Full PDB file with SEQRES, HELIX, SHEET, SSBOND, CRYST1, ORIGX, SCALE, CONECT and MASTER records, all heavy atoms in Angstrom:
SEQRES   1 A   34  ILE ALA SER PRO THR GLU ARG THR VAL HIS GLN GLY ILE          
SEQRES   2 A   34  PHE PRO GLU ALA ARG ILE ILE GLU GLU MET GLU LYS ALA          
SEQRES   3 A   34  LEU VAL VAL LEU HIS ASP GLU LYS                              
HELIX    1 AA1 GLU A   16  LEU A   30  1                                  15    
CRYST1    1.000    1.000    1.000  90.00  90.00  90.00 P 1           1          
ORIGX1      1.000000  0.000000  0.000000        0.00000                         
ORIGX2      0.000000  1.000000  0.000000        0.00000                         
ORIGX3      0.000000  0.000000  1.000000        0.00000                         
SCALE1      1.000000  0.000000  0.000000        0.00000                         
SCALE2      0.000000  1.000000  0.000000        0.00000                         
SCALE3      0.000000  0.000000  1.000000        0.00000                         
ATOM      1  N   ILE A   1     102.768 208.689  98.513  1.00  0.00           N  
ATOM      2  CA  ILE A   1     102.268 207.920  97.371  1.00  0.00           C  
ATOM      3  C   ILE A   1     102.394 206.449  97.726  1.00  0.00           C  
ATOM      4  O   ILE A   1     103.475 205.972  98.071  1.00  0.00           O  
ATOM      5  CB  ILE A   1     103.055 208.236  96.081  1.00  0.00           C  
ATOM      6  CG1 ILE A   1     102.856 209.709  95.692  1.00  0.00           C  
ATOM      7  CG2 ILE A   1     102.609 207.337  94.947  1.00  0.00           C  
ATOM      8  CD1 ILE A   1     103.848 210.663  96.268  1.00  0.00           C  
ATOM      9  N   ALA A   2     101.271 205.754  97.632  1.00  0.00           N  
ATOM     10  CA  ALA A   2     101.241 204.340  98.012  1.00  0.00           C  
ATOM     11  C   ALA A   2     101.218 203.447  96.783  1.00  0.00           C  
ATOM     12  O   ALA A   2     100.716 203.830  95.723  1.00  0.00           O  
ATOM     13  CB  ALA A   2     100.032 204.054  98.894  1.00  0.00           C  
ATOM     14  N   SER A   3     101.751 202.253  96.939  1.00  0.00           N  
ATOM     15  CA  SER A   3     101.692 201.234  95.892  1.00  0.00           C  
ATOM     16  C   SER A   3     100.291 200.615  95.896  1.00  0.00           C  
ATOM     17  O   SER A   3      99.499 200.868  96.807  1.00  0.00           O  
ATOM     18  CB  SER A   3     102.733 200.147  96.165  1.00  0.00           C  
ATOM     19  OG  SER A   3     102.333 199.380  97.292  1.00  0.00           O  
ATOM     20  N   PRO A   4      99.963 199.786  94.890  1.00  0.00           N  
ATOM     21  CA  PRO A   4      98.654 199.111  94.895  1.00  0.00           C  
ATOM     22  C   PRO A   4      98.409 198.271  96.142  1.00  0.00           C  
ATOM     23  O   PRO A   4      97.276 197.979  96.488  1.00  0.00           O  
ATOM     24  CB  PRO A   4      98.719 198.234  93.634  1.00  0.00           C  
ATOM     25  CG  PRO A   4      99.659 198.959  92.726  1.00  0.00           C  
ATOM     26  CD  PRO A   4     100.698 199.536  93.641  1.00  0.00           C  
ATOM     27  N   THR A   5      99.494 197.907  96.843  1.00  0.00           N  
ATOM     28  CA  THR A   5      99.347 197.116  98.086  1.00  0.00           C  
ATOM     29  C   THR A   5      99.324 198.022  99.323  1.00  0.00           C  
ATOM     30  O   THR A   5      99.482 197.543 100.447  1.00  0.00           O  
ATOM     31  CB  THR A   5     100.500 196.102  98.218  1.00  0.00           C  
ATOM     32  OG1 THR A   5     101.759 196.808  98.211  1.00  0.00           O  
ATOM     33  CG2 THR A   5     100.476 195.100  97.073  1.00  0.00           C  
ATOM     34  N   GLU A   6      99.146 199.346  99.080  1.00  0.00           N  
ATOM     35  CA  GLU A   6      99.045 200.331 100.163  1.00  0.00           C  
ATOM     36  C   GLU A   6     100.360 200.551 100.919  1.00  0.00           C  
ATOM     37  O   GLU A   6     100.370 201.063 102.032  1.00  0.00           O  
ATOM     38  CB  GLU A   6      97.935 199.946 101.162  1.00  0.00           C  
ATOM     39  CG  GLU A   6      96.543 199.881 100.550  1.00  0.00           C  
ATOM     40  CD  GLU A   6      96.118 201.194  99.916  1.00  0.00           C  
ATOM     41  OE1 GLU A   6      96.318 202.250 100.547  1.00  0.00           O  
ATOM     42  OE2 GLU A   6      95.606 201.174  98.779  1.00  0.00           O  
ATOM     43  N   ARG A   7     101.468 200.182 100.303  1.00  0.00           N  
ATOM     44  CA  ARG A   7     102.782 200.446 100.905  1.00  0.00           C  
ATOM     45  C   ARG A   7     103.294 201.791 100.400  1.00  0.00           C  
ATOM     46  O   ARG A   7     103.295 202.057  99.192  1.00  0.00           O  
ATOM     47  CB  ARG A   7     103.757 199.332 100.502  1.00  0.00           C  
ATOM     48  CG  ARG A   7     105.195 199.531 100.960  1.00  0.00           C  
ATOM     49  CD  ARG A   7     106.036 198.316 100.609  1.00  0.00           C  
ATOM     50  NE  ARG A   7     106.057 198.054  99.183  1.00  0.00           N  
ATOM     51  CZ  ARG A   7     106.967 198.559  98.337  1.00  0.00           C  
ATOM     52  NH1 ARG A   7     107.921 199.365  98.790  1.00  0.00           N  
ATOM     53  NH2 ARG A   7     106.931 198.244  97.055  1.00  0.00           N  
ATOM     54  N   THR A   8     103.704 202.671 101.294  1.00  0.00           N  
ATOM     55  CA  THR A   8     104.220 203.977 100.877  1.00  0.00           C  
ATOM     56  C   THR A   8     105.539 203.789 100.145  1.00  0.00           C  
ATOM     57  O   THR A   8     106.479 203.197 100.680  1.00  0.00           O  
ATOM     58  CB  THR A   8     104.416 204.914 102.085  1.00  0.00           C  
ATOM     59  OG1 THR A   8     103.159 205.115 102.725  1.00  0.00           O  
ATOM     60  CG2 THR A   8     104.961 206.266 101.635  1.00  0.00           C  
ATOM     61  N   VAL A   9     105.605 204.289  98.905  1.00  0.00           N  
ATOM     62  CA  VAL A   9     106.806 204.109  98.092  1.00  0.00           C  
ATOM     63  C   VAL A   9     107.495 205.433  97.762  1.00  0.00           C  
ATOM     64  O   VAL A   9     108.629 205.447  97.287  1.00  0.00           O  
ATOM     65  CB  VAL A   9     106.477 203.359  96.782  1.00  0.00           C  
ATOM     66  CG1 VAL A   9     106.055 201.930  97.065  1.00  0.00           C  
ATOM     67  CG2 VAL A   9     105.407 204.095  95.971  1.00  0.00           C  
ATOM     68  N   HIS A  10     106.782 206.537  98.003  1.00  0.00           N  
ATOM     69  CA  HIS A  10     107.364 207.831  97.641  1.00  0.00           C  
ATOM     70  C   HIS A  10     106.647 208.935  98.405  1.00  0.00           C  
ATOM     71  O   HIS A  10     105.488 208.800  98.773  1.00  0.00           O  
ATOM     72  CB  HIS A  10     107.227 208.063  96.129  1.00  0.00           C  
ATOM     73  CG  HIS A  10     107.774 209.376  95.655  1.00  0.00           C  
ATOM     74  ND1 HIS A  10     109.083 209.740  95.817  1.00  0.00           N  
ATOM     75  CD2 HIS A  10     107.167 210.437  95.036  1.00  0.00           C  
ATOM     76  CE1 HIS A  10     109.271 210.947  95.303  1.00  0.00           C  
ATOM     77  NE2 HIS A  10     108.123 211.386  94.838  1.00  0.00           N  
ATOM     78  N   GLN A  11     107.372 210.000  98.634  1.00  0.00           N  
ATOM     79  CA  GLN A  11     106.765 211.194  99.221  1.00  0.00           C  
ATOM     80  C   GLN A  11     107.045 212.357  98.276  1.00  0.00           C  
ATOM     81  O   GLN A  11     108.191 212.617  97.917  1.00  0.00           O  
ATOM     82  CB  GLN A  11     107.361 211.485 100.602  1.00  0.00           C  
ATOM     83  CG  GLN A  11     106.662 212.623 101.338  1.00  0.00           C  
ATOM     84  CD  GLN A  11     107.186 212.789 102.750  1.00  0.00           C  
ATOM     85  OE1 GLN A  11     108.322 213.249 102.936  1.00  0.00           O  
ATOM     86  NE2 GLN A  11     106.402 212.417 103.754  1.00  0.00           N  
ATOM     87  N   GLY A  12     105.973 213.023  97.837  1.00  0.00           N  
ATOM     88  CA  GLY A  12     106.144 214.134  96.906  1.00  0.00           C  
ATOM     89  C   GLY A  12     106.965 215.254  97.506  1.00  0.00           C  
ATOM     90  O   GLY A  12     107.022 215.435  98.728  1.00  0.00           O  
ATOM     91  N   ILE A  13     107.610 216.012  96.641  1.00  0.00           N  
ATOM     92  CA  ILE A  13     108.448 217.129  97.079  1.00  0.00           C  
ATOM     93  C   ILE A  13     107.615 218.156  97.859  1.00  0.00           C  
ATOM     94  O   ILE A  13     106.460 218.407  97.529  1.00  0.00           O  
ATOM     95  CB  ILE A  13     109.106 217.789  95.842  1.00  0.00           C  
ATOM     96  CG1 ILE A  13     110.222 216.887  95.303  1.00  0.00           C  
ATOM     97  CG2 ILE A  13     109.654 219.175  96.166  1.00  0.00           C  
ATOM     98  CD1 ILE A  13     110.829 217.374  94.013  1.00  0.00           C  
ATOM     99  N   PHE A  14     108.183 218.752  98.859  1.00  0.00           N  
ATOM    100  CA  PHE A  14     107.584 219.884  99.565  1.00  0.00           C  
ATOM    101  C   PHE A  14     108.709 220.575 100.342  1.00  0.00           C  
ATOM    102  O   PHE A  14     109.786 220.002 100.512  1.00  0.00           O  
ATOM    103  CB  PHE A  14     106.425 219.405 100.472  1.00  0.00           C  
ATOM    104  CG  PHE A  14     106.830 218.743 101.751  1.00  0.00           C  
ATOM    105  CD1 PHE A  14     106.814 219.435 102.959  1.00  0.00           C  
ATOM    106  CD2 PHE A  14     107.250 217.413 101.763  1.00  0.00           C  
ATOM    107  CE1 PHE A  14     107.195 218.814 104.142  1.00  0.00           C  
ATOM    108  CE2 PHE A  14     107.629 216.783 102.939  1.00  0.00           C  
ATOM    109  CZ  PHE A  14     107.599 217.489 104.134  1.00  0.00           C  
ATOM    110  N   PRO A  15     108.535 221.850 100.758  1.00  0.00           N  
ATOM    111  CA  PRO A  15     107.331 222.667 100.718  1.00  0.00           C  
ATOM    112  C   PRO A  15     107.016 223.194  99.310  1.00  0.00           C  
ATOM    113  O   PRO A  15     107.730 222.878  98.358  1.00  0.00           O  
ATOM    114  CB  PRO A  15     107.657 223.814 101.668  1.00  0.00           C  
ATOM    115  CG  PRO A  15     109.151 223.956 101.537  1.00  0.00           C  
ATOM    116  CD  PRO A  15     109.670 222.554 101.381  1.00  0.00           C  
ATOM    117  N   GLU A  16     105.981 224.028  99.224  1.00  0.00           N  
ATOM    118  CA  GLU A  16     105.500 224.466  97.906  1.00  0.00           C  
ATOM    119  C   GLU A  16     106.556 225.228  97.119  1.00  0.00           C  
ATOM    120  O   GLU A  16     106.650 225.074  95.898  1.00  0.00           O  
ATOM    121  CB  GLU A  16     104.240 225.323  98.045  1.00  0.00           C  
ATOM    122  CG  GLU A  16     103.636 225.627  96.679  1.00  0.00           C  
ATOM    123  CD  GLU A  16     102.513 226.632  96.724  1.00  0.00           C  
ATOM    124  OE1 GLU A  16     102.407 227.384  97.712  1.00  0.00           O  
ATOM    125  OE2 GLU A  16     101.738 226.680  95.745  1.00  0.00           O  
ATOM    126  N   ALA A  17     107.355 226.038  97.780  1.00  0.00           N  
ATOM    127  CA  ALA A  17     108.386 226.802  97.061  1.00  0.00           C  
ATOM    128  C   ALA A  17     109.299 225.865  96.284  1.00  0.00           C  
ATOM    129  O   ALA A  17     109.705 226.159  95.146  1.00  0.00           O  
ATOM    130  CB  ALA A  17     109.192 227.643  98.045  1.00  0.00           C  
ATOM    131  N   ARG A  18     109.599 224.726  96.878  1.00  0.00           N  
ATOM    132  CA  ARG A  18     110.468 223.748  96.202  1.00  0.00           C  
ATOM    133  C   ARG A  18     109.707 223.041  95.081  1.00  0.00           C  
ATOM    134  O   ARG A  18     110.284 222.734  94.030  1.00  0.00           O  
ATOM    135  CB  ARG A  18     111.002 222.727  97.215  1.00  0.00           C  
ATOM    136  CG  ARG A  18     112.070 221.845  96.613  1.00  0.00           C  
ATOM    137  CD  ARG A  18     112.910 221.130  97.616  1.00  0.00           C  
ATOM    138  NE  ARG A  18     113.630 220.064  96.938  1.00  0.00           N  
ATOM    139  CZ  ARG A  18     113.481 218.775  97.179  1.00  0.00           C  
ATOM    140  NH1 ARG A  18     112.621 218.373  98.106  1.00  0.00           N  
ATOM    141  NH2 ARG A  18     114.160 217.873  96.506  1.00  0.00           N  
ATOM    142  N   ILE A  19     108.421 222.769  95.280  1.00  0.00           N  
ATOM    143  CA  ILE A  19     107.606 222.166  94.217  1.00  0.00           C  
ATOM    144  C   ILE A  19     107.642 223.059  92.976  1.00  0.00           C  
ATOM    145  O   ILE A  19     107.873 222.584  91.861  1.00  0.00           O  
ATOM    146  CB  ILE A  19     106.135 221.981  94.675  1.00  0.00           C  
ATOM    147  CG1 ILE A  19     106.042 220.974  95.824  1.00  0.00           C  
ATOM    148  CG2 ILE A  19     105.272 221.524  93.507  1.00  0.00           C  
ATOM    149  CD1 ILE A  19     104.640 220.862  96.417  1.00  0.00           C  
ATOM    150  N   ILE A  20     107.417 224.347  93.187  1.00  0.00           N  
ATOM    151  CA  ILE A  20     107.400 225.298  92.060  1.00  0.00           C  
ATOM    152  C   ILE A  20     108.761 225.339  91.377  1.00  0.00           C  
ATOM    153  O   ILE A  20     108.861 225.302  90.139  1.00  0.00           O  
ATOM    154  CB  ILE A  20     106.991 226.705  92.554  1.00  0.00           C  
ATOM    155  CG1 ILE A  20     105.546 226.688  93.068  1.00  0.00           C  
ATOM    156  CG2 ILE A  20     107.147 227.735  91.429  1.00  0.00           C  
ATOM    157  CD1 ILE A  20     105.126 227.943  93.817  1.00  0.00           C  
ATOM    158  N   GLU A  21     109.817 225.404  92.177  1.00  0.00           N  
ATOM    159  CA  GLU A  21     111.179 225.454  91.621  1.00  0.00           C  
ATOM    160  C   GLU A  21     111.477 224.224  90.764  1.00  0.00           C  
ATOM    161  O   GLU A  21     111.985 224.332  89.636  1.00  0.00           O  
ATOM    162  CB  GLU A  21     112.187 225.550  92.770  1.00  0.00           C  
ATOM    163  CG  GLU A  21     113.641 225.612  92.307  1.00  0.00           C  
ATOM    164  CD  GLU A  21     114.628 225.579  93.466  1.00  0.00           C  
ATOM    165  OE1 GLU A  21     114.191 225.538  94.636  1.00  0.00           O  
ATOM    166  OE2 GLU A  21     115.851 225.580  93.191  1.00  0.00           O  
ATOM    167  N   GLU A  22     111.142 223.039  91.282  1.00  0.00           N  
ATOM    168  CA  GLU A  22     111.430 221.804  90.540  1.00  0.00           C  
ATOM    169  C   GLU A  22     110.518 221.647  89.324  1.00  0.00           C  
ATOM    170  O   GLU A  22     110.945 221.131  88.283  1.00  0.00           O  
ATOM    171  CB  GLU A  22     111.283 220.586  91.464  1.00  0.00           C  
ATOM    172  CG  GLU A  22     112.212 220.594  92.678  1.00  0.00           C  
ATOM    173  CD  GLU A  22     113.681 220.668  92.290  1.00  0.00           C  
ATOM    174  OE1 GLU A  22     114.263 219.630  91.970  1.00  0.00           O  
ATOM    175  OE2 GLU A  22     114.237 221.786  92.307  1.00  0.00           O  
ATOM    176  N   MET A  23     109.274 222.096  89.424  1.00  0.00           N  
ATOM    177  CA  MET A  23     108.370 222.023  88.277  1.00  0.00           C  
ATOM    178  C   MET A  23     108.862 222.918  87.143  1.00  0.00           C  
ATOM    179  O   MET A  23     108.797 222.536  85.961  1.00  0.00           O  
ATOM    180  CB  MET A  23     106.945 222.421  88.685  1.00  0.00           C  
ATOM    181  CG  MET A  23     105.921 222.310  87.557  1.00  0.00           C  
ATOM    182  SD  MET A  23     105.768 220.621  86.892  1.00  0.00           S  
ATOM    183  CE  MET A  23     104.884 219.813  88.235  1.00  0.00           C  
ATOM    184  N   GLU A  24     109.365 224.083  87.478  1.00  0.00           N  
ATOM    185  CA  GLU A  24     109.908 224.981  86.451  1.00  0.00           C  
ATOM    186  C   GLU A  24     111.096 224.328  85.746  1.00  0.00           C  
ATOM    187  O   GLU A  24     111.246 224.434  84.525  1.00  0.00           O  
ATOM    188  CB  GLU A  24     110.320 226.322  87.069  1.00  0.00           C  
ATOM    189  CG  GLU A  24     109.164 227.158  87.601  1.00  0.00           C  
ATOM    190  CD  GLU A  24     108.201 227.628  86.524  1.00  0.00           C  
ATOM    191  OE1 GLU A  24     108.639 227.796  85.366  1.00  0.00           O  
ATOM    192  OE2 GLU A  24     107.008 227.826  86.830  1.00  0.00           O  
ATOM    193  N   LYS A  25     111.930 223.630  86.501  1.00  0.00           N  
ATOM    194  CA  LYS A  25     113.061 222.909  85.905  1.00  0.00           C  
ATOM    195  C   LYS A  25     112.567 221.794  84.982  1.00  0.00           C  
ATOM    196  O   LYS A  25     113.113 221.587  83.893  1.00  0.00           O  
ATOM    197  CB  LYS A  25     113.947 222.308  86.997  1.00  0.00           C  
ATOM    198  CG  LYS A  25     114.705 223.319  87.843  1.00  0.00           C  
ATOM    199  CD  LYS A  25     115.471 222.599  88.940  1.00  0.00           C  
ATOM    200  CE  LYS A  25     116.166 223.556  89.900  1.00  0.00           C  
ATOM    201  NZ  LYS A  25     116.838 222.825  91.004  1.00  0.00           N  
ATOM    202  N   ALA A  26     111.546 221.067  85.428  1.00  0.00           N  
ATOM    203  CA  ALA A  26     110.996 219.975  84.618  1.00  0.00           C  
ATOM    204  C   ALA A  26     110.411 220.512  83.312  1.00  0.00           C  
ATOM    205  O   ALA A  26     110.552 219.876  82.256  1.00  0.00           O  
ATOM    206  CB  ALA A  26     109.930 219.220  85.415  1.00  0.00           C  
ATOM    207  N   LEU A  27     109.767 221.664  83.378  1.00  0.00           N  
ATOM    208  CA  LEU A  27     109.179 222.265  82.176  1.00  0.00           C  
ATOM    209  C   LEU A  27     110.259 222.736  81.200  1.00  0.00           C  
ATOM    210  O   LEU A  27     110.072 222.688  79.978  1.00  0.00           O  
ATOM    211  CB  LEU A  27     108.255 223.425  82.559  1.00  0.00           C  
ATOM    212  CG  LEU A  27     106.916 222.993  83.181  1.00  0.00           C  
ATOM    213  CD1 LEU A  27     106.234 224.172  83.869  1.00  0.00           C  
ATOM    214  CD2 LEU A  27     106.002 222.375  82.130  1.00  0.00           C  
ATOM    215  N   VAL A  28     111.386 223.176  81.730  1.00  0.00           N  
ATOM    216  CA  VAL A  28     112.520 223.540  80.860  1.00  0.00           C  
ATOM    217  C   VAL A  28     112.971 222.321  80.060  1.00  0.00           C  
ATOM    218  O   VAL A  28     113.218 222.405  78.855  1.00  0.00           O  
ATOM    219  CB  VAL A  28     113.692 224.111  81.693  1.00  0.00           C  
ATOM    220  CG1 VAL A  28     114.966 224.196  80.840  1.00  0.00           C  
ATOM    221  CG2 VAL A  28     113.340 225.490  82.233  1.00  0.00           C  
ATOM    222  N   VAL A  29     113.046 221.165  80.726  1.00  0.00           N  
ATOM    223  CA  VAL A  29     113.420 219.918  80.048  1.00  0.00           C  
ATOM    224  C   VAL A  29     112.386 219.572  78.971  1.00  0.00           C  
ATOM    225  O   VAL A  29     112.736 219.222  77.841  1.00  0.00           O  
ATOM    226  CB  VAL A  29     113.548 218.751  81.051  1.00  0.00           C  
ATOM    227  CG1 VAL A  29     113.796 217.428  80.312  1.00  0.00           C  
ATOM    228  CG2 VAL A  29     114.673 219.024  82.042  1.00  0.00           C  
ATOM    229  N   LEU A  30     111.108 219.678  79.314  1.00  0.00           N  
ATOM    230  CA  LEU A  30     110.036 219.332  78.371  1.00  0.00           C  
ATOM    231  C   LEU A  30     110.142 220.136  77.080  1.00  0.00           C  
ATOM    232  O   LEU A  30     109.834 219.625  75.995  1.00  0.00           O  
ATOM    233  CB  LEU A  30     108.674 219.566  79.026  1.00  0.00           C  
ATOM    234  CG  LEU A  30     107.441 219.231  78.180  1.00  0.00           C  
ATOM    235  CD1 LEU A  30     107.386 217.740  77.859  1.00  0.00           C  
ATOM    236  CD2 LEU A  30     106.162 219.669  78.900  1.00  0.00           C  
ATOM    237  N   HIS A  31     110.588 221.379  77.176  1.00  0.00           N  
ATOM    238  CA  HIS A  31     110.632 222.255  75.998  1.00  0.00           C  
ATOM    239  C   HIS A  31     112.035 222.408  75.406  1.00  0.00           C  
ATOM    240  O   HIS A  31     112.230 223.211  74.489  1.00  0.00           O  
ATOM    241  CB  HIS A  31     110.076 223.636  76.369  1.00  0.00           C  
ATOM    242  CG  HIS A  31     108.620 223.622  76.728  1.00  0.00           C  
ATOM    243  ND1 HIS A  31     107.632 223.515  75.781  1.00  0.00           N  
ATOM    244  CD2 HIS A  31     107.995 223.659  77.934  1.00  0.00           C  
ATOM    245  CE1 HIS A  31     106.447 223.516  76.384  1.00  0.00           C  
ATOM    246  NE2 HIS A  31     106.643 223.591  77.680  1.00  0.00           N  
ATOM    247  N   ASP A  32     112.985 221.622  75.889  1.00  0.00           N  
ATOM    248  CA  ASP A  32     114.372 221.719  75.404  1.00  0.00           C  
ATOM    249  C   ASP A  32     114.517 220.979  74.068  1.00  0.00           C  
ATOM    250  O   ASP A  32     114.596 219.739  74.029  1.00  0.00           O  
ATOM    251  CB  ASP A  32     115.321 221.123  76.442  1.00  0.00           C  
ATOM    252  CG  ASP A  32     116.778 221.348  76.091  1.00  0.00           C  
ATOM    253  OD1 ASP A  32     117.068 221.772  74.945  1.00  0.00           O  
ATOM    254  OD2 ASP A  32     117.645 221.085  76.953  1.00  0.00           O  
ATOM    255  N   GLU A  33     114.564 221.718  72.989  1.00  0.00           N  
ATOM    256  CA  GLU A  33     114.605 221.108  71.656  1.00  0.00           C  
ATOM    257  C   GLU A  33     115.954 220.476  71.325  1.00  0.00           C  
ATOM    258  O   GLU A  33     116.107 219.862  70.265  1.00  0.00           O  
ATOM    259  CB  GLU A  33     114.220 222.147  70.602  1.00  0.00           C  
ATOM    260  CG  GLU A  33     112.762 222.593  70.757  1.00  0.00           C  
ATOM    261  CD  GLU A  33     112.300 223.509  69.637  1.00  0.00           C  
ATOM    262  OE1 GLU A  33     113.153 223.900  68.799  1.00  0.00           O  
ATOM    263  OE2 GLU A  33     111.103 223.831  69.611  1.00  0.00           O  
ATOM    264  N   LYS A  34     116.927 220.594  72.220  1.00  0.00           N  
ATOM    265  CA  LYS A  34     118.201 219.898  72.019  1.00  0.00           C  
ATOM    266  C   LYS A  34     118.095 218.425  72.419  1.00  0.00           C  
ATOM    267  O   LYS A  34     119.001 217.637  72.138  1.00  0.00           O  
ATOM    268  CB  LYS A  34     119.304 220.579  72.842  1.00  0.00           C  
ATOM    269  CG  LYS A  34     119.630 221.990  72.367  1.00  0.00           C  
ATOM    270  CD  LYS A  34     120.668 222.630  73.258  1.00  0.00           C  
ATOM    271  CE  LYS A  34     120.943 224.077  72.830  1.00  0.00           C  
ATOM    272  NZ  LYS A  34     121.883 224.758  73.758  1.00  0.00           N  
TER     273      LYS A  34                                                      
MASTER        0    0    0    1    0    0    0    6  272    1    0    3          
END                                                                             
């Protein structure tokens, strides 16, 4: 992921198994009514 000045500021999570695992965790947070 590059900034508006084309400087790399982040690299997305990988491999895919880890993407899925972390997305499931993020969705748990999104729906946590506490």
